[in-house]
């Protein structure tokens, strides 16, 4: 049984945010930007600009600048 729609965090799409942070730490900037872009876009509309996404948006900015 799939999780309810409110449980967005156990999805493969949400995991891309974590992969983005990991690949950024490994200096794999293109890969990090791809993961973070996809992960942020896959969030439910009401969460895309949530305060907790600031870390991921900042990581995306750093990855794009470092490419």
C-alpha atoms as a PDB file:
ATOM      1  CA  UNK A   1       0.000   0.000   0.000  1.00  0.00           C
ATOM      2  CA  UNK A   2       1.459   3.397  -0.940  1.00  0.00           C
ATOM      3  CA  UNK A   3       1.810   6.071   1.745  1.00  0.00           C
ATOM      4  CA  UNK A   4      -0.828   8.806   1.967  1.00  0.00           C
ATOM      5  CA  UNK A   5      -0.279  11.938  -0.138  1.00  0.00           C
ATOM      6  CA  UNK A   6       0.712  13.875   2.982  1.00  0.00           C
ATOM      7  CA  UNK A   7       3.672  11.526   3.468  1.00  0.00           C
ATOM      8  CA  UNK A   8       5.817  13.047   0.727  1.00  0.00           C
ATOM      9  CA  UNK A   9       9.138  12.336   2.458  1.00  0.00           C
ATOM     10  CA  UNK A  10       9.387   8.537   1.901  1.00  0.00           C
ATOM     11  CA  UNK A  11       9.176   8.925  -1.877  1.00  0.00           C
ATOM     12  CA  UNK A  12      12.007   8.488  -4.365  1.00  0.00           C
ATOM     13  CA  UNK A  13      11.397  12.059  -5.525  1.00  0.00           C
ATOM     14  CA  UNK A  14      11.916  13.477  -2.037  1.00  0.00           C
ATOM     15  CA  UNK A  15      15.046  11.377  -1.602  1.00  0.00           C
ATOM     16  CA  UNK A  16      16.548  13.284  -4.522  1.00  0.00           C
ATOM     17  CA  UNK A  17      16.892  16.275  -2.153  1.00  0.00           C
ATOM     18  CA  UNK A  18      19.104  14.195   0.136  1.00  0.00           C
ATOM     19  CA  UNK A  19      21.070  12.875  -2.829  1.00  0.00           C
ATOM     20  CA  UNK A  20      21.571  16.463  -3.961  1.00  0.00           C
ATOM     21  CA  UNK A  21      23.114  17.428  -0.630  1.00  0.00           C
ATOM     22  CA  UNK A  22      25.348  14.346  -0.697  1.00  0.00           C
ATOM     23  CA  UNK A  23      26.562  14.854  -4.248  1.00  0.00           C
ATOM     24  CA  UNK A  24      27.196  18.540  -3.554  1.00  0.00           C
ATOM     25  CA  UNK A  25      29.427  17.547  -0.625  1.00  0.00           C
ATOM     26  CA  UNK A  26      31.284  15.250  -3.033  1.00  0.00           C
ATOM     27  CA  UNK A  27      31.739  18.201  -5.439  1.00  0.00           C
ATOM     28  CA  UNK A  28      29.711  16.472  -8.139  1.00  0.00           C
ATOM     29  CA  UNK A  29      28.033  19.751  -9.003  1.00  0.00           C
ATOM     30  CA  UNK A  30      26.110  18.781 -12.143  1.00  0.00           C
ATOM     31  CA  UNK A  31      24.667  15.719 -10.443  1.00  0.00           C
ATOM     32  CA  UNK A  32      23.832  17.726  -7.310  1.00  0.00           C
ATOM     33  CA  UNK A  33      22.031  20.386  -9.338  1.00  0.00           C
ATOM     34  CA  UNK A  34      20.020  17.732 -11.168  1.00  0.00           C
ATOM     35  CA  UNK A  35      18.977  15.985  -7.947  1.00  0.00           C
ATOM     36  CA  UNK A  36      18.071  19.225  -6.171  1.00  0.00           C
ATOM     37  CA  UNK A  37      16.181  20.674  -9.121  1.00  0.00           C
ATOM     38  CA  UNK A  38      14.152  17.501  -9.527  1.00  0.00           C
ATOM     39  CA  UNK A  39      13.552  17.073  -5.805  1.00  0.00           C
ATOM     40  CA  UNK A  40      12.372  20.638  -5.272  1.00  0.00           C
ATOM     41  CA  UNK A  41      10.094  20.499  -8.304  1.00  0.00           C
ATOM     42  CA  UNK A  42       8.562  17.231  -7.088  1.00  0.00           C
ATOM     43  CA  UNK A  43       7.469  18.677  -3.739  1.00  0.00           C
ATOM     44  CA  UNK A  44       3.770  19.388  -3.274  1.00  0.00           C
ATOM     45  CA  UNK A  45       2.938  22.956  -4.322  1.00  0.00           C
ATOM     46  CA  UNK A  46       2.338  24.125  -0.766  1.00  0.00           C
ATOM     47  CA  UNK A  47       5.797  22.940   0.343  1.00  0.00           C
ATOM     48  CA  UNK A  48       8.019  24.157  -2.492  1.00  0.00           C
ATOM     49  CA  UNK A  49       8.797  27.410  -0.702  1.00  0.00           C
ATOM     50  CA  UNK A  50       8.592  26.082   2.851  1.00  0.00           C
ATOM     51  CA  UNK A  51      11.184  27.422   5.264  1.00  0.00           C
ATOM     52  CA  UNK A  52      12.889  24.022   5.577  1.00  0.00           C
ATOM     53  CA  UNK A  53      13.607  23.988   1.825  1.00  0.00           C
ATOM     54  CA  UNK A  54      15.969  26.947   2.233  1.00  0.00           C
ATOM     55  CA  UNK A  55      18.870  24.544   2.773  1.00  0.00           C
ATOM     56  CA  UNK A  56      18.102  22.772  -0.481  1.00  0.00           C
ATOM     57  CA  UNK A  57      17.561  25.952  -2.484  1.00  0.00           C
ATOM     58  CA  UNK A  58      20.866  27.317  -1.185  1.00  0.00           C
ATOM     59  CA  UNK A  59      22.594  24.028  -2.051  1.00  0.00           C
ATOM     60  CA  UNK A  60      21.131  24.233  -5.564  1.00  0.00           C
ATOM     61  CA  UNK A  61      22.457  27.788  -5.937  1.00  0.00           C
ATOM     62  CA  UNK A  62      25.934  26.651  -4.851  1.00  0.00           C
ATOM     63  CA  UNK A  63      25.889  23.650  -7.195  1.00  0.00           C
ATOM     64  CA  UNK A  64      24.864  25.758 -10.185  1.00  0.00           C
ATOM     65  CA  UNK A  65      27.491  28.396  -9.442  1.00  0.00           C
ATOM     66  CA  UNK A  66      30.232  25.762  -9.095  1.00  0.00           C
ATOM     67  CA  UNK A  67      29.490  24.006 -12.368  1.00  0.00           C
END
